[in-house]
C-alpha cells in the first residue's frame, strides 16, 4: 500500500493491525508497548517489531485520526459488521 505505514513491508496486514491495536489500546494496562513485548505478542523478531513501532509512532504524529480509522474499519470487518 503505497503512501501508508505498510508500504514496502513484508509483514502481513493482520499483524500490522494487531500491532496498531496493541499500541493504541489503553485497556491493556501497559504503560508503553516495548519492542520485545510487541515481538512476542505478534510473533515477529525484535528488529521487525522495532521497525513497526517506529512506523506506527511516525503515523500517529502525522495523523492520529487516520490510524484510528484504519483500525476501527479493520475491527468492524473482522466482526462481520458494516
PDB file of N, CA and C in Angstrom:
ATOM      1  N   UNK A   1       0.835  -1.170   0.000  1.00  0.00           N
ATOM      2  CA  UNK A   1       0.000   0.000   0.000  1.00  0.00           C
ATOM      3  C   UNK A   1       0.886   1.242   0.000  1.00  0.00           C
ATOM      4  N   UNK A   2       0.975   1.838  -1.137  1.00  0.00           N
ATOM      5  CA  UNK A   2       1.836   2.991  -1.333  1.00  0.00           C
ATOM      6  C   UNK A   2       1.333   4.185  -0.512  1.00  0.00           C
ATOM      7  N   UNK A   3       2.255   4.873   0.113  1.00  0.00           N
ATOM      8  CA  UNK A   3       1.920   6.076   0.869  1.00  0.00           C
ATOM      9  C   UNK A   3       1.363   5.811   2.260  1.00  0.00           C
ATOM     10  N   UNK A   4       1.458   4.584   2.726  1.00  0.00           N
ATOM     11  CA  UNK A   4       0.974   4.256   4.061  1.00  0.00           C
ATOM     12  C   UNK A   4       2.123   3.704   4.901  1.00  0.00           C
ATOM     13  N   UNK A   5       1.855   3.477   6.171  1.00  0.00           N
ATOM     14  CA  UNK A   5       2.889   2.895   7.019  1.00  0.00           C
ATOM     15  C   UNK A   5       3.175   1.453   6.631  1.00  0.00           C
ATOM     16  N   UNK A   6       2.321   0.837   5.841  1.00  0.00           N
ATOM     17  CA  UNK A   6       2.512  -0.540   5.406  1.00  0.00           C
ATOM     18  C   UNK A   6       3.404  -0.654   4.169  1.00  0.00           C
ATOM     19  N   UNK A   7       3.678   0.464   3.504  1.00  0.00           N
ATOM     20  CA  UNK A   7       4.415   0.454   2.235  1.00  0.00           C
ATOM     21  C   UNK A   7       5.774  -0.230   2.375  1.00  0.00           C
ATOM     22  N   UNK A   8       6.011  -1.194   1.507  1.00  0.00           N
ATOM     23  CA  UNK A   8       7.296  -1.879   1.476  1.00  0.00           C
ATOM     24  C   UNK A   8       7.491  -2.921   2.565  1.00  0.00           C
ATOM     25  N   UNK A   9       6.476  -3.146   3.366  1.00  0.00           N
ATOM     26  CA  UNK A   9       6.594  -4.103   4.462  1.00  0.00           C
ATOM     27  C   UNK A   9       6.174  -5.494   3.999  1.00  0.00           C
ATOM     28  N   UNK A  10       6.909  -6.494   4.458  1.00  0.00           N
ATOM     29  CA  UNK A  10       6.548  -7.880   4.156  1.00  0.00           C
ATOM     30  C   UNK A  10       5.729  -8.502   5.287  1.00  0.00           C
ATOM     31  N   UNK A  11       5.471  -7.723   6.317  1.00  0.00           N
ATOM     32  CA  UNK A  11       4.686  -8.200   7.453  1.00  0.00           C
ATOM     33  C   UNK A  11       3.217  -8.264   7.031  1.00  0.00           C
ATOM     34  N   UNK A  12       2.540  -9.376   7.305  1.00  0.00           N
ATOM     35  CA  UNK A  12       1.117  -9.485   6.953  1.00  0.00           C
ATOM     36  C   UNK A  12       0.283  -8.381   7.611  1.00  0.00           C
ATOM     37  N   UNK A  13      -0.733  -7.926   6.896  1.00  0.00           N
ATOM     38  CA  UNK A  13      -1.574  -6.849   7.415  1.00  0.00           C
ATOM     39  C   UNK A  13      -2.227  -7.212   8.741  1.00  0.00           C
ATOM     40  N   UNK A  14      -2.575  -8.470   8.926  1.00  0.00           N
ATOM     41  CA  UNK A  14      -3.188  -8.874  10.197  1.00  0.00           C
ATOM     42  C   UNK A  14      -2.261  -8.569  11.376  1.00  0.00           C
ATOM     43  N   UNK A  15      -0.967  -8.767  11.188  1.00  0.00           N
ATOM     44  CA  UNK A  15      -0.006  -8.453  12.263  1.00  0.00           C
ATOM     45  C   UNK A  15       0.117  -6.947  12.448  1.00  0.00           C
ATOM     46  N   UNK A  16       0.061  -6.200  11.358  1.00  0.00           N
ATOM     47  CA  UNK A  16       0.091  -4.741  11.456  1.00  0.00           C
ATOM     48  C   UNK A  16      -1.089  -4.233  12.273  1.00  0.00           C
ATOM     49  N   UNK A  17      -2.287  -4.733  11.944  1.00  0.00           N
ATOM     50  CA  UNK A  17      -3.473  -4.270  12.655  1.00  0.00           C
ATOM     51  C   UNK A  17      -3.438  -4.669  14.123  1.00  0.00           C
ATOM     52  N   UNK A  18      -2.922  -5.846  14.411  1.00  0.00           N
ATOM     53  CA  UNK A  18      -2.778  -6.275  15.804  1.00  0.00           C
ATOM     54  C   UNK A  18      -1.785  -5.362  16.538  1.00  0.00           C
ATOM     55  N   UNK A  19      -0.693  -5.020  15.878  1.00  0.00           N
ATOM     56  CA  UNK A  19       0.302  -4.130  16.487  1.00  0.00           C
ATOM     57  C   UNK A  19      -0.290  -2.745  16.754  1.00  0.00           C
ATOM     58  N   UNK A  20      -1.048  -2.216  15.797  1.00  0.00           N
ATOM     59  CA  UNK A  20      -1.690  -0.907  15.982  1.00  0.00           C
ATOM     60  C   UNK A  20      -2.670  -0.974  17.141  1.00  0.00           C
ATOM     61  N   UNK A  21      -3.437  -2.043  17.176  1.00  0.00           N
ATOM     62  CA  UNK A  21      -4.403  -2.220  18.269  1.00  0.00           C
ATOM     63  C   UNK A  21      -3.692  -2.254  19.622  1.00  0.00           C
ATOM     64  N   UNK A  22      -2.643  -3.028  19.709  1.00  0.00           N
ATOM     65  CA  UNK A  22      -1.889  -3.118  20.965  1.00  0.00           C
ATOM     66  C   UNK A  22      -1.309  -1.761  21.358  1.00  0.00           C
ATOM     67  N   UNK A  23      -0.813  -1.025  20.371  1.00  0.00           N
ATOM     68  CA  UNK A  23      -0.202   0.275  20.647  1.00  0.00           C
ATOM     69  C   UNK A  23      -1.237   1.294  21.137  1.00  0.00           C
ATOM     70  N   UNK A  24      -2.431   1.248  20.535  1.00  0.00           N
ATOM     71  CA  UNK A  24      -3.449   2.250  20.858  1.00  0.00           C
ATOM     72  C   UNK A  24      -4.353   1.860  22.027  1.00  0.00           C
ATOM     73  N   UNK A  25      -4.390   0.578  22.389  1.00  0.00           N
ATOM     74  CA  UNK A  25      -5.313   0.097  23.405  1.00  0.00           C
ATOM     75  C   UNK A  25      -4.880   0.529  24.797  1.00  0.00           C
ATOM     76  N   UNK A  26      -5.659   1.384  25.394  1.00  0.00           N
ATOM     77  CA  UNK A  26      -5.348   1.914  26.725  1.00  0.00           C
ATOM     78  C   UNK A  26      -5.756   0.929  27.825  1.00  0.00           C
ATOM     79  N   UNK A  27      -6.574  -0.081  27.493  1.00  0.00           N
ATOM     80  CA  UNK A  27      -7.062  -1.027  28.491  1.00  0.00           C
ATOM     81  C   UNK A  27      -6.095  -2.167  28.765  1.00  0.00           C
ATOM     82  N   UNK A  28      -4.969  -2.200  28.076  1.00  0.00           N
ATOM     83  CA  UNK A  28      -4.025  -3.296  28.255  1.00  0.00           C
ATOM     84  C   UNK A  28      -3.213  -3.194  29.535  1.00  0.00           C
ATOM     85  N   UNK A  29      -3.325  -2.074  30.210  1.00  0.00           N
ATOM     86  CA  UNK A  29      -2.564  -1.845  31.445  1.00  0.00           C
ATOM     87  C   UNK A  29      -1.056  -1.848  31.190  1.00  0.00           C
ATOM     88  N   UNK A  30      -0.664  -1.477  29.978  1.00  0.00           N
ATOM     89  CA  UNK A  30       0.751  -1.372  29.622  1.00  0.00           C
ATOM     90  C   UNK A  30       1.068   0.114  29.523  1.00  0.00           C
ATOM     91  N   UNK A  31       2.069   0.555  30.256  1.00  0.00           N
ATOM     92  CA  UNK A  31       2.430   1.974  30.191  1.00  0.00           C
ATOM     93  C   UNK A  31       2.937   2.327  28.806  1.00  0.00           C
ATOM     94  N   UNK A  32       3.795   1.501  28.260  1.00  0.00           N
ATOM     95  CA  UNK A  32       4.243   1.686  26.887  1.00  0.00           C
ATOM     96  C   UNK A  32       4.568   0.307  26.324  1.00  0.00           C
ATOM     97  N   UNK A  33       4.258   0.113  25.079  1.00  0.00           N
ATOM     98  CA  UNK A  33       4.482  -1.170  24.435  1.00  0.00           C
ATOM     99  C   UNK A  33       5.944  -1.256  24.013  1.00  0.00           C
ATOM    100  N   UNK A  34       6.669  -2.193  24.600  1.00  0.00           N
ATOM    101  CA  UNK A  34       8.088  -2.336  24.271  1.00  0.00           C
ATOM    102  C   UNK A  34       8.256  -3.151  22.998  1.00  0.00           C
ATOM    103  N   UNK A  35       9.422  -3.027  22.408  1.00  0.00           N
ATOM    104  CA  UNK A  35       9.748  -3.783  21.206  1.00  0.00           C
ATOM    105  C   UNK A  35       9.657  -5.281  21.473  1.00  0.00           C
ATOM    106  N   UNK A  36      10.239  -5.722  22.565  1.00  0.00           N
ATOM    107  CA  UNK A  36      10.211  -7.156  22.890  1.00  0.00           C
ATOM    108  C   UNK A  36       8.804  -7.652  23.163  1.00  0.00           C
ATOM    109  N   UNK A  37       7.998  -6.838  23.830  1.00  0.00           N
ATOM    110  CA  UNK A  37       6.623  -7.231  24.124  1.00  0.00           C
ATOM    111  C   UNK A  37       5.823  -7.365  22.824  1.00  0.00           C
ATOM    112  N   UNK A  38       5.961  -6.386  21.950  1.00  0.00           N
ATOM    113  CA  UNK A  38       5.260  -6.462  20.664  1.00  0.00           C
ATOM    114  C   UNK A  38       5.729  -7.674  19.877  1.00  0.00           C
ATOM    115  N   UNK A  39       7.029  -7.895  19.826  1.00  0.00           N
ATOM    116  CA  UNK A  39       7.575  -9.026  19.076  1.00  0.00           C
ATOM    117  C   UNK A  39       6.976 -10.340  19.556  1.00  0.00           C
ATOM    118  N   UNK A  40       6.891 -10.522  20.857  1.00  0.00           N
ATOM    119  CA  UNK A  40       6.353 -11.788  21.368  1.00  0.00           C
ATOM    120  C   UNK A  40       4.845 -11.889  21.163  1.00  0.00           C
ATOM    121  N   UNK A  41       4.136 -10.773  21.241  1.00  0.00           N
ATOM    122  CA  UNK A  41       2.674 -10.802  21.090  1.00  0.00           C
ATOM    123  C   UNK A  41       2.223 -11.071  19.656  1.00  0.00           C
ATOM    124  N   UNK A  42       2.988 -10.604  18.656  1.00  0.00           N
ATOM    125  CA  UNK A  42       2.557 -10.808  17.264  1.00  0.00           C
ATOM    126  C   UNK A  42       3.464 -11.772  16.502  1.00  0.00           C
ATOM    127  N   UNK A  43       4.412 -12.367  17.218  1.00  0.00           N
ATOM    128  CA  UNK A  43       5.288 -13.398  16.654  1.00  0.00           C
ATOM    129  C   UNK A  43       6.133 -12.898  15.475  1.00  0.00           C
ATOM    130  N   UNK A  44       6.896 -11.838  15.742  1.00  0.00           N
ATOM    131  CA  UNK A  44       7.901 -11.339  14.794  1.00  0.00           C
ATOM    132  C   UNK A  44       9.199 -11.166  15.564  1.00  0.00           C
ATOM    133  N   UNK A  45      10.316 -10.963  14.849  1.00  0.00           N
ATOM    134  CA  UNK A  45      11.568 -10.744  15.575  1.00  0.00           C
ATOM    135  C   UNK A  45      11.628  -9.307  16.099  1.00  0.00           C
ATOM    136  N   UNK A  46      12.571  -9.057  16.996  1.00  0.00           N
ATOM    137  CA  UNK A  46      12.613  -7.736  17.645  1.00  0.00           C
ATOM    138  C   UNK A  46      12.948  -6.606  16.683  1.00  0.00           C
ATOM    139  N   UNK A  47      13.732  -6.887  15.648  1.00  0.00           N
ATOM    140  CA  UNK A  47      14.045  -5.838  14.676  1.00  0.00           C
ATOM    141  C   UNK A  47      12.805  -5.431  13.888  1.00  0.00           C
ATOM    142  N   UNK A  48      11.997  -6.420  13.515  1.00  0.00           N
ATOM    143  CA  UNK A  48      10.744  -6.136  12.810  1.00  0.00           C
ATOM    144  C   UNK A  48       9.801  -5.356  13.713  1.00  0.00           C
ATOM    145  N   UNK A  49       9.697  -5.763  14.964  1.00  0.00           N
ATOM    146  CA  UNK A  49       8.836  -5.067  15.918  1.00  0.00           C
ATOM    147  C   UNK A  49       9.294  -3.623  16.112  1.00  0.00           C
ATOM    148  N   UNK A  50      10.597  -3.402  16.187  1.00  0.00           N
ATOM    149  CA  UNK A  50      11.125  -2.039  16.353  1.00  0.00           C
ATOM    150  C   UNK A  50      10.777  -1.184  15.145  1.00  0.00           C
ATOM    151  N   UNK A  51      10.917  -1.742  13.957  1.00  0.00           N
ATOM    152  CA  UNK A  51      10.572  -1.020  12.734  1.00  0.00           C
ATOM    153  C   UNK A  51       9.078  -0.694  12.688  1.00  0.00           C
ATOM    154  N   UNK A  52       8.260  -1.649  13.081  1.00  0.00           N
ATOM    155  CA  UNK A  52       6.812  -1.433  13.095  1.00  0.00           C
ATOM    156  C   UNK A  52       6.433  -0.331  14.082  1.00  0.00           C
ATOM    157  N   UNK A  53       7.007  -0.376  15.276  1.00  0.00           N
ATOM    158  CA  UNK A  53       6.703   0.663  16.265  1.00  0.00           C
ATOM    159  C   UNK A  53       7.133   2.045  15.779  1.00  0.00           C
ATOM    160  N   UNK A  54       8.269   2.101  15.116  1.00  0.00           N
ATOM    161  CA  UNK A  54       8.745   3.381  14.577  1.00  0.00           C
ATOM    162  C   UNK A  54       7.753   3.926  13.547  1.00  0.00           C
ATOM    163  N   UNK A  55       7.279   3.054  12.673  1.00  0.00           N
ATOM    164  CA  UNK A  55       6.309   3.479  11.657  1.00  0.00           C
ATOM    165  C   UNK A  55       4.975   3.885  12.276  1.00  0.00           C
ATOM    166  N   UNK A  56       4.534   3.137  13.274  1.00  0.00           N
ATOM    167  CA  UNK A  56       3.268   3.466  13.944  1.00  0.00           C
ATOM    168  C   UNK A  56       3.373   4.820  14.628  1.00  0.00           C
ATOM    169  N   UNK A  57       4.464   5.045  15.347  1.00  0.00           N
ATOM    170  CA  UNK A  57       4.651   6.340  16.033  1.00  0.00           C
ATOM    171  C   UNK A  57       4.716   7.487  15.037  1.00  0.00           C
ATOM    172  N   UNK A  58       5.401   7.270  13.934  1.00  0.00           N
ATOM    173  CA  UNK A  58       5.504   8.297  12.901  1.00  0.00           C
ATOM    174  C   UNK A  58       4.130   8.615  12.314  1.00  0.00           C
ATOM    175  N   UNK A  59       3.335   7.589  12.082  1.00  0.00           N
ATOM    176  CA  UNK A  59       1.990   7.788  11.546  1.00  0.00           C
ATOM    177  C   UNK A  59       1.108   8.531  12.537  1.00  0.00           C
ATOM    178  N   UNK A  60       1.276   8.235  13.806  1.00  0.00           N
ATOM    179  CA  UNK A  60       0.497   8.931  14.823  1.00  0.00           C
ATOM    180  C   UNK A  60       0.832  10.414  14.861  1.00  0.00           C
ATOM    181  N   UNK A  61       2.093  10.731  14.650  1.00  0.00           N
ATOM    182  CA  UNK A  61       2.491  12.137  14.615  1.00  0.00           C
ATOM    183  C   UNK A  61       1.873  12.836  13.414  1.00  0.00           C
ATOM    184  N   UNK A  62       1.745  12.124  12.309  1.00  0.00           N
ATOM    185  CA  UNK A  62       1.192  12.697  11.086  1.00  0.00           C
ATOM    186  C   UNK A  62      -0.314  12.901  11.196  1.00  0.00           C
ATOM    187  N   UNK A  63      -1.031  11.835  11.528  1.00  0.00           N
ATOM    188  CA  UNK A  63      -2.491  11.922  11.571  1.00  0.00           C
ATOM    189  C   UNK A  63      -3.062  10.792  12.416  1.00  0.00           C
ATOM    190  N   UNK A  64      -3.267  11.050  13.675  1.00  0.00           N
ATOM    191  CA  UNK A  64      -3.762  10.042  14.605  1.00  0.00           C
ATOM    192  C   UNK A  64      -5.154   9.546  14.207  1.00  0.00           C
ATOM    193  N   UNK A  65      -5.987  10.441  13.676  1.00  0.00           N
ATOM    194  CA  UNK A  65      -7.342  10.047  13.297  1.00  0.00           C
ATOM    195  C   UNK A  65      -7.337   9.007  12.188  1.00  0.00           C
ATOM    196  N   UNK A  66      -6.420   9.139  11.241  1.00  0.00           N
ATOM    197  CA  UNK A  66      -6.343   8.189  10.143  1.00  0.00           C
ATOM    198  C   UNK A  66      -5.999   6.796  10.651  1.00  0.00           C
ATOM    199  N   UNK A  67      -5.025   6.707  11.530  1.00  0.00           N
ATOM    200  CA  UNK A  67      -4.614   5.417  12.067  1.00  0.00           C
ATOM    201  C   UNK A  67      -5.752   4.768  12.855  1.00  0.00           C
ATOM    202  N   UNK A  68      -6.460   5.548  13.651  1.00  0.00           N
ATOM    203  CA  UNK A  68      -7.590   5.009  14.408  1.00  0.00           C
ATOM    204  C   UNK A  68      -8.716   4.580  13.472  1.00  0.00           C
ATOM    205  N   UNK A  69      -8.935   5.316  12.386  1.00  0.00           N
ATOM    206  CA  UNK A  69      -9.975   4.953  11.418  1.00  0.00           C
ATOM    207  C   UNK A  69      -9.632   3.634  10.728  1.00  0.00           C
ATOM    208  N   UNK A  70      -8.369   3.453  10.373  1.00  0.00           N
ATOM    209  CA  UNK A  70      -7.932   2.200   9.754  1.00  0.00           C
ATOM    210  C   UNK A  70      -8.188   1.044  10.706  1.00  0.00           C
ATOM    211  N   UNK A  71      -7.829   1.224  11.956  1.00  0.00           N
ATOM    212  CA  UNK A  71      -8.006   0.163  12.945  1.00  0.00           C
ATOM    213  C   UNK A  71      -9.483  -0.134  13.170  1.00  0.00           C
ATOM    214  N   UNK A  72     -10.314   0.887  13.325  1.00  0.00           N
ATOM    215  CA  UNK A  72     -11.735   0.642  13.588  1.00  0.00           C
ATOM    216  C   UNK A  72     -12.398  -0.038  12.398  1.00  0.00           C
ATOM    217  N   UNK A  73     -12.013   0.323  11.191  1.00  0.00           N
ATOM    218  CA  UNK A  73     -12.554  -0.327   9.995  1.00  0.00           C
ATOM    219  C   UNK A  73     -12.146  -1.791   9.968  1.00  0.00           C
ATOM    220  N   UNK A  74     -10.909  -2.079  10.292  1.00  0.00           N
ATOM    221  CA  UNK A  74     -10.411  -3.458  10.296  1.00  0.00           C
ATOM    222  C   UNK A  74     -11.147  -4.278  11.346  1.00  0.00           C
ATOM    223  N   UNK A  75     -11.379  -3.713  12.524  1.00  0.00           N
ATOM    224  CA  UNK A  75     -12.083  -4.438  13.575  1.00  0.00           C
ATOM    225  C   UNK A  75     -13.539  -4.686  13.192  1.00  0.00           C
ATOM    226  N   UNK A  76     -14.172  -3.716  12.522  1.00  0.00           N
ATOM    227  CA  UNK A  76     -15.530  -3.905  12.030  1.00  0.00           C
ATOM    228  C   UNK A  76     -15.584  -5.034  11.016  1.00  0.00           C
ATOM    229  N   UNK A  77     -14.630  -5.055  10.098  1.00  0.00           N
ATOM    230  CA  UNK A  77     -14.586  -6.093   9.072  1.00  0.00           C
ATOM    231  C   UNK A  77     -14.394  -7.475   9.684  1.00  0.00           C
ATOM    232  N   UNK A  78     -13.584  -7.569  10.705  1.00  0.00           N
ATOM    233  CA  UNK A  78     -13.332  -8.877  11.316  1.00  0.00           C
ATOM    234  C   UNK A  78     -14.518  -9.348  12.139  1.00  0.00           C
ATOM    235  N   UNK A  79     -15.365  -8.404  12.610  1.00  0.00           N
ATOM    236  CA  UNK A  79     -16.549  -8.768  13.359  1.00  0.00           C
ATOM    237  C   UNK A  79     -17.724  -9.111  12.447  1.00  0.00           C
ATOM    238  N   UNK A  80     -17.594  -8.781  11.161  1.00  0.00           N
ATOM    239  CA  UNK A  80     -18.664  -9.038  10.218  1.00  0.00           C
ATOM    240  C   UNK A  80     -19.732  -7.967  10.208  1.00  0.00           C
ATOM    241  N   UNK A  81     -19.487  -6.844  10.924  1.00  0.00           N
ATOM    242  CA  UNK A  81     -20.437  -5.743  10.926  1.00  0.00           C
ATOM    243  C   UNK A  81     -20.082  -4.744   9.859  1.00  0.00           C
ATOM    244  N   UNK A  82     -21.048  -3.925   9.502  1.00  0.00           N
ATOM    245  CA  UNK A  82     -20.771  -2.917   8.465  1.00  0.00           C
ATOM    246  C   UNK A  82     -21.090  -1.548   8.958  1.00  0.00           C
TER     247      UNK A  82
END
